Amino acid sequence: YPKKETIKIILNRYEKDPVLTVKESEQSIDHSFSWLIPNDFKTTMTAINLGKIILEVGKNTDISKSFRDLAASILGGSVPEKEKTGFWNKFKKTGL
């Protein structure tokens, strides 16, 4: 079995006012959570129903930010956001 300190546990569908607190959950499994992914049923179901990823459906939602930050922490750096395209963004690039 792996050593306890090498195991990373992610809490999915985290809510700020849960029936069972994060601390109580950690005590019950005798391990701390490495990451909390917030509950966002609406964005998640919209992504599933449209066949898209969560980042495409709700770019600025807490769940998207959490996944982006989790990916960055795993990769050991930052994850670049997709470059915006469109008429006005062309001017931002050139400084006009």
N, C-alpha and C. Protein backbone atom coordinates (compact mmCIF):
# COMPACT_ATOMS: atom_id res chain seq x y z
N TYR A 1 0.83 -1.19 0.00
CA TYR A 1 0.00 0.00 0.00
C TYR A 1 0.87 1.25 0.00
N PRO A 2 0.37 2.34 -0.60
CA PRO A 2 1.18 3.58 -0.59
C PRO A 2 1.22 4.19 0.81
N LYS A 3 2.24 4.98 1.02
CA LYS A 3 2.36 5.68 2.30
C LYS A 3 1.28 6.76 2.39
N LYS A 4 0.79 6.98 3.59
CA LYS A 4 -0.30 7.93 3.80
C LYS A 4 0.05 9.33 3.29
N GLU A 5 1.29 9.75 3.48
CA GLU A 5 1.68 11.11 3.07
C GLU A 5 1.74 11.28 1.56
N THR A 6 1.72 10.18 0.81
CA THR A 6 1.75 10.29 -0.65
C THR A 6 0.35 10.30 -1.26
N ILE A 7 -0.66 10.05 -0.44
CA ILE A 7 -2.04 10.01 -0.93
C ILE A 7 -2.64 11.42 -0.88
N LYS A 8 -3.22 11.85 -1.98
CA LYS A 8 -3.88 13.15 -2.07
C LYS A 8 -5.37 12.90 -2.31
N ILE A 9 -6.20 13.49 -1.48
CA ILE A 9 -7.64 13.30 -1.60
C ILE A 9 -8.30 14.62 -1.98
N ILE A 10 -9.17 14.55 -2.97
CA ILE A 10 -9.90 15.72 -3.46
C ILE A 10 -11.36 15.59 -3.02
N LEU A 11 -11.87 16.63 -2.41
CA LEU A 11 -13.28 16.66 -2.02
C LEU A 11 -14.06 17.31 -3.14
N ASN A 12 -14.94 16.54 -3.76
CA ASN A 12 -15.76 17.01 -4.87
C ASN A 12 -17.13 17.45 -4.34
N ARG A 13 -17.73 18.43 -5.02
CA ARG A 13 -19.04 18.97 -4.69
C ARG A 13 -19.07 19.57 -3.28
N TYR A 14 -18.00 20.28 -2.96
CA TYR A 14 -17.88 20.95 -1.66
C TYR A 14 -18.91 22.08 -1.57
N GLU A 15 -19.56 22.18 -0.43
CA GLU A 15 -20.51 23.26 -0.16
C GLU A 15 -20.04 24.03 1.07
N LYS A 16 -20.30 25.32 1.07
CA LYS A 16 -19.83 26.17 2.17
C LYS A 16 -20.59 25.90 3.47
N ASP A 17 -21.84 25.48 3.37
CA ASP A 17 -22.65 25.18 4.56
C ASP A 17 -23.12 23.73 4.52
N PRO A 18 -22.20 22.78 4.64
CA PRO A 18 -22.58 21.37 4.53
C PRO A 18 -23.15 20.81 5.84
N VAL A 19 -23.79 19.68 5.73
CA VAL A 19 -24.28 18.98 6.92
C VAL A 19 -23.08 18.48 7.72
N LEU A 20 -22.08 17.97 7.01
CA LEU A 20 -20.85 17.48 7.62
C LEU A 20 -19.72 18.42 7.20
N THR A 21 -19.04 19.03 8.14
CA THR A 21 -17.98 19.99 7.81
C THR A 21 -16.76 19.29 7.21
N VAL A 22 -15.90 20.08 6.59
CA VAL A 22 -14.67 19.54 6.02
C VAL A 22 -13.83 18.91 7.13
N LYS A 23 -13.73 19.60 8.25
CA LYS A 23 -12.94 19.08 9.37
C LYS A 23 -13.49 17.74 9.87
N GLU A 24 -14.80 17.65 10.00
CA GLU A 24 -15.43 16.39 10.43
C GLU A 24 -15.17 15.27 9.42
N SER A 25 -15.25 15.62 8.14
CA SER A 25 -14.99 14.63 7.08
C SER A 25 -13.55 14.15 7.14
N GLU A 26 -12.63 15.08 7.33
CA GLU A 26 -11.21 14.72 7.43
C GLU A 26 -10.95 13.83 8.64
N GLN A 27 -11.60 14.15 9.75
CA GLN A 27 -11.43 13.34 10.95
C GLN A 27 -11.99 11.93 10.74
N SER A 28 -13.09 11.83 10.01
CA SER A 28 -13.70 10.51 9.81
C SER A 28 -12.86 9.59 8.93
N ILE A 29 -12.06 10.17 8.03
CA ILE A 29 -11.19 9.35 7.17
C ILE A 29 -9.74 9.39 7.63
N ASP A 30 -9.48 10.15 8.68
CA ASP A 30 -8.13 10.29 9.24
C ASP A 30 -7.12 10.74 8.18
N HIS A 31 -7.55 11.72 7.39
CA HIS A 31 -6.68 12.26 6.34
C HIS A 31 -7.24 13.62 5.94
N SER A 32 -6.35 14.54 5.57
CA SER A 32 -6.82 15.86 5.15
C SER A 32 -7.03 15.89 3.64
N PHE A 33 -7.90 16.80 3.21
CA PHE A 33 -8.16 16.97 1.79
C PHE A 33 -7.08 17.85 1.17
N SER A 34 -6.64 17.48 0.00
CA SER A 34 -5.64 18.26 -0.71
C SER A 34 -6.27 19.38 -1.52
N TRP A 35 -7.52 19.17 -1.92
CA TRP A 35 -8.19 20.15 -2.77
C TRP A 35 -9.69 20.06 -2.58
N LEU A 36 -10.37 21.21 -2.69
CA LEU A 36 -11.82 21.25 -2.62
C LEU A 36 -12.37 21.73 -3.96
N ILE A 37 -13.27 20.96 -4.55
CA ILE A 37 -13.93 21.37 -5.78
C ILE A 37 -15.35 21.75 -5.41
N PRO A 38 -15.74 23.01 -5.65
CA PRO A 38 -17.06 23.46 -5.22
C PRO A 38 -18.19 22.79 -6.00
N ASN A 39 -19.34 22.70 -5.35
CA ASN A 39 -20.52 22.14 -5.98
C ASN A 39 -21.12 23.19 -6.92
N ASP A 40 -21.30 22.85 -8.16
CA ASP A 40 -21.96 23.73 -9.13
C ASP A 40 -22.75 22.84 -10.08
N PHE A 41 -23.89 22.39 -9.59
CA PHE A 41 -24.72 21.45 -10.34
C PHE A 41 -25.15 22.04 -11.68
N LYS A 42 -25.54 23.31 -11.68
CA LYS A 42 -26.05 23.95 -12.90
C LYS A 42 -24.99 23.96 -14.01
N THR A 43 -23.80 24.43 -13.71
CA THR A 43 -22.73 24.49 -14.71
C THR A 43 -22.33 23.10 -15.17
N THR A 44 -22.23 22.17 -14.22
CA THR A 44 -21.83 20.80 -14.55
C THR A 44 -22.85 20.14 -15.47
N MET A 45 -24.14 20.26 -15.15
CA MET A 45 -25.17 19.63 -15.97
C MET A 45 -25.29 20.31 -17.34
N THR A 46 -25.09 21.61 -17.39
CA THR A 46 -25.11 22.31 -18.68
C THR A 46 -23.98 21.79 -19.56
N ALA A 47 -22.80 21.63 -18.99
CA ALA A 47 -21.66 21.10 -19.75
C ALA A 47 -21.94 19.69 -20.25
N ILE A 48 -22.49 18.85 -19.39
CA ILE A 48 -22.81 17.47 -19.78
C ILE A 48 -23.84 17.47 -20.91
N ASN A 49 -24.90 18.24 -20.75
CA ASN A 49 -25.98 18.26 -21.74
C ASN A 49 -25.54 18.82 -23.09
N LEU A 50 -24.58 19.75 -23.08
CA LEU A 50 -24.08 20.34 -24.32
C LEU A 50 -22.89 19.56 -24.89
N GLY A 51 -22.38 18.61 -24.13
CA GLY A 51 -21.22 17.85 -24.58
C GLY A 51 -19.95 18.68 -24.59
N LYS A 52 -19.86 19.62 -23.66
CA LYS A 52 -18.70 20.50 -23.59
C LYS A 52 -18.03 20.34 -22.23
N ILE A 53 -16.83 20.89 -22.11
CA ILE A 53 -16.15 20.86 -20.81
C ILE A 53 -16.64 22.03 -19.95
N ILE A 54 -16.50 21.88 -18.66
CA ILE A 54 -16.98 22.90 -17.72
C ILE A 54 -16.36 24.26 -17.99
N LEU A 55 -15.08 24.28 -18.36
CA LEU A 55 -14.40 25.56 -18.62
C LEU A 55 -15.00 26.30 -19.81
N GLU A 56 -15.60 25.59 -20.76
CA GLU A 56 -16.24 26.25 -21.90
C GLU A 56 -17.60 26.81 -21.53
N VAL A 57 -18.30 26.16 -20.64
CA VAL A 57 -19.66 26.55 -20.28
C VAL A 57 -19.67 27.66 -19.23
N GLY A 58 -18.80 27.57 -18.26
CA GLY A 58 -18.78 28.55 -17.17
C GLY A 58 -17.38 28.99 -16.85
N LYS A 59 -16.77 29.72 -17.76
CA LYS A 59 -15.36 30.09 -17.64
C LYS A 59 -15.01 30.77 -16.32
N ASN A 60 -15.87 31.66 -15.85
CA ASN A 60 -15.55 32.43 -14.64
C ASN A 60 -16.24 31.93 -13.39
N THR A 61 -16.74 30.70 -13.43
CA THR A 61 -17.39 30.14 -12.25
C THR A 61 -16.35 29.62 -11.26
N ASP A 62 -16.76 29.45 -10.03
CA ASP A 62 -15.84 28.93 -9.00
C ASP A 62 -15.35 27.53 -9.34
N ILE A 63 -16.21 26.70 -9.93
CA ILE A 63 -15.80 25.34 -10.26
C ILE A 63 -14.74 25.35 -11.36
N SER A 64 -14.89 26.23 -12.34
CA SER A 64 -13.88 26.34 -13.41
C SER A 64 -12.55 26.82 -12.86
N LYS A 65 -12.61 27.82 -12.00
CA LYS A 65 -11.38 28.34 -11.40
C LYS A 65 -10.69 27.27 -10.55
N SER A 66 -11.50 26.47 -9.85
CA SER A 66 -10.93 25.41 -9.02
C SER A 66 -10.22 24.36 -9.88
N PHE A 67 -10.86 23.94 -10.98
CA PHE A 67 -10.22 22.96 -11.87
C PHE A 67 -8.96 23.53 -12.51
N ARG A 68 -9.01 24.81 -12.91
CA ARG A 68 -7.85 25.45 -13.52
C ARG A 68 -6.69 25.53 -12.53
N ASP A 69 -6.99 25.92 -11.29
CA ASP A 69 -5.96 26.01 -10.26
C ASP A 69 -5.42 24.64 -9.86
N LEU A 70 -6.29 23.64 -9.85
CA LEU A 70 -5.86 22.27 -9.55
C LEU A 70 -4.88 21.79 -10.61
N ALA A 71 -5.22 22.04 -11.87
CA ALA A 71 -4.32 21.64 -12.97
C ALA A 71 -2.98 22.35 -12.84
N ALA A 72 -3.01 23.64 -12.50
CA ALA A 72 -1.77 24.39 -12.34
C ALA A 72 -0.94 23.83 -11.20
N SER A 73 -1.59 23.46 -10.10
CA SER A 73 -0.83 22.94 -8.97
C SER A 73 -0.21 21.58 -9.29
N ILE A 74 -0.90 20.78 -10.08
CA ILE A 74 -0.36 19.48 -10.48
C ILE A 74 0.82 19.66 -11.43
N LEU A 75 0.69 20.62 -12.34
CA LEU A 75 1.75 20.87 -13.32
C LEU A 75 2.91 21.67 -12.75
N GLY A 76 2.70 22.26 -11.57
CA GLY A 76 3.77 23.01 -10.93
C GLY A 76 3.96 24.40 -11.50
N GLY A 77 2.93 24.95 -12.06
CA GLY A 77 3.03 26.30 -12.62
C GLY A 77 1.64 26.85 -12.85
N SER A 78 1.51 27.68 -13.85
CA SER A 78 0.20 28.24 -14.16
C SER A 78 -0.27 27.68 -15.49
N VAL A 79 -1.58 27.59 -15.62
CA VAL A 79 -2.18 27.10 -16.85
C VAL A 79 -2.66 28.31 -17.63
N PRO A 80 -2.12 28.55 -18.83
CA PRO A 80 -2.54 29.72 -19.59
C PRO A 80 -3.99 29.59 -20.02
N GLU A 81 -4.70 30.71 -19.95
CA GLU A 81 -6.08 30.72 -20.40
C GLU A 81 -6.10 30.80 -21.91
N LYS A 82 -7.18 30.29 -22.49
CA LYS A 82 -7.34 30.31 -23.94
C LYS A 82 -7.38 31.77 -24.40
N GLU A 83 -6.65 32.04 -25.45
CA GLU A 83 -6.58 33.40 -25.97
C GLU A 83 -7.91 33.81 -26.56
N LYS A 84 -8.37 35.01 -26.21
CA LYS A 84 -9.64 35.51 -26.72
C LYS A 84 -9.48 35.94 -28.17
N THR A 85 -10.49 35.64 -28.94
CA THR A 85 -10.49 36.08 -30.33
C THR A 85 -11.66 37.03 -30.52
N GLY A 86 -11.61 37.79 -31.56
CA GLY A 86 -12.69 38.72 -31.84
C GLY A 86 -12.13 40.07 -32.27
N PHE A 87 -13.02 40.87 -32.77
CA PHE A 87 -12.64 42.16 -33.35
C PHE A 87 -11.91 43.05 -32.35
N TRP A 88 -12.48 43.29 -31.16
CA TRP A 88 -11.90 44.22 -30.20
C TRP A 88 -10.62 43.70 -29.58
N ASN A 89 -10.49 42.41 -29.46
CA ASN A 89 -9.27 41.83 -28.88
C ASN A 89 -8.05 42.03 -29.78
N LYS A 90 -8.26 42.22 -31.07
CA LYS A 90 -7.14 42.50 -31.98
C LYS A 90 -6.49 43.83 -31.61
N PHE A 91 -7.29 44.80 -31.18
CA PHE A 91 -6.75 46.10 -30.79
C PHE A 91 -5.99 46.01 -29.47
N LYS A 92 -6.46 45.17 -28.57
CA LYS A 92 -5.78 45.01 -27.29
C LYS A 92 -4.38 44.45 -27.48
N LYS A 93 -4.22 43.55 -28.45
CA LYS A 93 -2.91 42.94 -28.71
C LYS A 93 -1.92 43.96 -29.25
N THR A 94 -2.39 44.85 -30.09
CA THR A 94 -1.50 45.80 -30.73
C THR A 94 -1.29 47.05 -29.89
N GLY A 95 -2.11 47.21 -28.85
CA GLY A 95 -1.96 48.38 -27.99
C GLY A 95 -2.65 49.61 -28.53
N LEU A 96 -3.53 49.46 -29.49
CA LEU A 96 -4.27 50.60 -30.05
C LEU A 96 -5.45 50.97 -29.21
